Each structure stands twice: as structure tokens, then as C-alpha cells.
């Protein structure tokens, strides 16, 4: 059973080299950038939310500095 499960894995540089030879450097780099961007988008960011929105979804409010304006993706001020 152990022999059936052992898999030979190439090093990362060898794998990237194979991908570059097969698809080209620019396509490989583009695919890597897209994968990184998709991973970046999956992380939930709540720092831009207003206190009103935070209350609505059950998060604690954040003390704002007096006169500080936050960015609102909906185009309204908090």
C-alpha cells in the first residue's frame, strides 16, 4: 500500500519551467497573478464599514477620530 501511495513530486522551479515551456512565460505569469488576485478577493475586509453597518451585522463599533471621513463604497457618508 505504501508503494502505491508514494508519488514523485518535482521541485517548484522544475514545474514552473515546464509550464513556461508549454504555455509561455506571459501566460504563466498571468495565470499566477490571476490566482493571487482571486485569493486576495476572498479575504473579507471590514475596516471600511461604517458603525451603522457594523451594528446591523452584529460587529462591535469602532471609535472614529473626530472629523475623520471614511470611504463608503455606496457613495454615502457614514
C-alpha atoms as a PDB file:
ATOM      1  CA  UNK A   1       0.000   0.000   0.000  1.00  0.00           C
ATOM      2  CA  UNK A   2       2.817   2.380   0.860  1.00  0.00           C
ATOM      3  CA  UNK A   3       4.472   1.900  -2.539  1.00  0.00           C
ATOM      4  CA  UNK A   4       1.198   2.690  -4.313  1.00  0.00           C
ATOM      5  CA  UNK A   5       0.837   5.983  -2.431  1.00  0.00           C
ATOM      6  CA  UNK A   6       4.338   7.291  -2.955  1.00  0.00           C
ATOM      7  CA  UNK A   7       4.289   9.992  -5.614  1.00  0.00           C
ATOM      8  CA  UNK A   8       7.319  11.575  -7.157  1.00  0.00           C
ATOM      9  CA  UNK A   9       6.969  15.344  -6.943  1.00  0.00           C
ATOM     10  CA  UNK A  10       9.185  17.651  -8.930  1.00  0.00           C
ATOM     11  CA  UNK A  11      10.594  20.790  -7.420  1.00  0.00           C
ATOM     12  CA  UNK A  12       8.663  24.040  -7.818  1.00  0.00           C
ATOM     13  CA  UNK A  13      11.224  25.542 -10.174  1.00  0.00           C
ATOM     14  CA  UNK A  14      11.038  22.485 -12.440  1.00  0.00           C
ATOM     15  CA  UNK A  15       7.241  22.674 -12.515  1.00  0.00           C
ATOM     16  CA  UNK A  16       7.264  26.394 -13.312  1.00  0.00           C
ATOM     17  CA  UNK A  17       9.858  25.784 -16.005  1.00  0.00           C
ATOM     18  CA  UNK A  18       7.641  23.106 -17.574  1.00  0.00           C
ATOM     19  CA  UNK A  19       4.645  25.455 -17.507  1.00  0.00           C
ATOM     20  CA  UNK A  20       6.674  28.242 -19.099  1.00  0.00           C
ATOM     21  CA  UNK A  21       7.873  25.933 -21.846  1.00  0.00           C
ATOM     22  CA  UNK A  22       4.390  24.597 -22.519  1.00  0.00           C
ATOM     23  CA  UNK A  23       2.321  27.818 -22.282  1.00  0.00           C
ATOM     24  CA  UNK A  24       4.861  30.630 -22.399  1.00  0.00           C
ATOM     25  CA  UNK A  25       6.196  32.973 -19.777  1.00  0.00           C
ATOM     26  CA  UNK A  26       3.497  35.644 -20.104  1.00  0.00           C
ATOM     27  CA  UNK A  27       0.576  33.211 -19.908  1.00  0.00           C
ATOM     28  CA  UNK A  28       2.111  31.508 -16.882  1.00  0.00           C
ATOM     29  CA  UNK A  29       2.733  34.837 -15.150  1.00  0.00           C
ATOM     30  CA  UNK A  30      -0.805  35.991 -15.968  1.00  0.00           C
ATOM     31  CA  UNK A  31      -2.298  32.802 -14.532  1.00  0.00           C
ATOM     32  CA  UNK A  32      -0.235  33.214 -11.362  1.00  0.00           C
ATOM     33  CA  UNK A  33      -1.307  36.854 -10.986  1.00  0.00           C
ATOM     34  CA  UNK A  34      -4.965  35.917 -11.508  1.00  0.00           C
ATOM     35  CA  UNK A  35      -4.745  33.163  -8.903  1.00  0.00           C
ATOM     36  CA  UNK A  36      -3.159  35.553  -6.409  1.00  0.00           C
ATOM     37  CA  UNK A  37      -5.803  38.214  -7.114  1.00  0.00           C
ATOM     38  CA  UNK A  38      -8.662  35.746  -6.641  1.00  0.00           C
ATOM     39  CA  UNK A  39      -7.177  34.668  -3.326  1.00  0.00           C
ATOM     40  CA  UNK A  40      -6.866  38.327  -2.322  1.00  0.00           C
ATOM     41  CA  UNK A  41     -10.532  38.934  -3.104  1.00  0.00           C
ATOM     42  CA  UNK A  42     -11.726  36.085  -0.893  1.00  0.00           C
ATOM     43  CA  UNK A  43     -10.418  37.734   2.263  1.00  0.00           C
ATOM     44  CA  UNK A  44     -13.213  39.678   3.961  1.00  0.00           C
ATOM     45  CA  UNK A  45     -12.269  43.233   4.821  1.00  0.00           C
ATOM     46  CA  UNK A  46     -14.429  45.082   7.330  1.00  0.00           C
ATOM     47  CA  UNK A  47     -12.224  48.094   8.015  1.00  0.00           C
ATOM     48  CA  UNK A  48     -14.177  50.309   5.605  1.00  0.00           C
ATOM     49  CA  UNK A  49     -17.601  49.598   7.120  1.00  0.00           C
ATOM     50  CA  UNK A  50     -19.448  52.343   8.967  1.00  0.00           C
ATOM     51  CA  UNK A  51     -20.588  51.901  12.550  1.00  0.00           C
ATOM     52  CA  UNK A  52     -24.184  51.684  11.350  1.00  0.00           C
ATOM     53  CA  UNK A  53     -23.349  48.746   9.065  1.00  0.00           C
ATOM     54  CA  UNK A  54     -21.295  47.135  11.822  1.00  0.00           C
ATOM     55  CA  UNK A  55     -24.288  47.302  14.188  1.00  0.00           C
ATOM     56  CA  UNK A  56     -26.559  45.826  11.507  1.00  0.00           C
ATOM     57  CA  UNK A  57     -24.384  42.743  11.058  1.00  0.00           C
ATOM     58  CA  UNK A  58     -23.539  42.337  14.743  1.00  0.00           C
ATOM     59  CA  UNK A  59     -19.968  43.627  14.850  1.00  0.00           C
ATOM     60  CA  UNK A  60     -18.653  45.952  17.545  1.00  0.00           C
ATOM     61  CA  UNK A  61     -18.478  49.638  16.703  1.00  0.00           C
ATOM     62  CA  UNK A  62     -15.171  51.389  16.148  1.00  0.00           C
ATOM     63  CA  UNK A  63     -14.327  54.724  17.759  1.00  0.00           C
ATOM     64  CA  UNK A  64     -13.653  57.199  14.983  1.00  0.00           C
ATOM     65  CA  UNK A  65     -11.414  60.194  15.298  1.00  0.00           C
ATOM     66  CA  UNK A  66     -13.419  63.408  15.332  1.00  0.00           C
ATOM     67  CA  UNK A  67     -13.956  64.657  11.804  1.00  0.00           C
ATOM     68  CA  UNK A  68     -12.490  61.601  10.117  1.00  0.00           C
ATOM     69  CA  UNK A  69     -14.296  60.715   6.907  1.00  0.00           C
ATOM     70  CA  UNK A  70     -14.368  57.072   5.889  1.00  0.00           C
ATOM     71  CA  UNK A  71     -14.599  55.720   2.394  1.00  0.00           C
ATOM     72  CA  UNK A  72     -18.018  54.326   1.622  1.00  0.00           C
ATOM     73  CA  UNK A  73     -18.365  52.054  -1.426  1.00  0.00           C
ATOM     74  CA  UNK A  74     -22.023  53.057  -1.746  1.00  0.00           C
ATOM     75  CA  UNK A  75     -21.235  56.749  -2.130  1.00  0.00           C
ATOM     76  CA  UNK A  76     -22.845  57.972   1.103  1.00  0.00           C
ATOM     77  CA  UNK A  77     -21.115  59.320   4.136  1.00  0.00           C
ATOM     78  CA  UNK A  78     -21.409  57.392   7.392  1.00  0.00           C
END
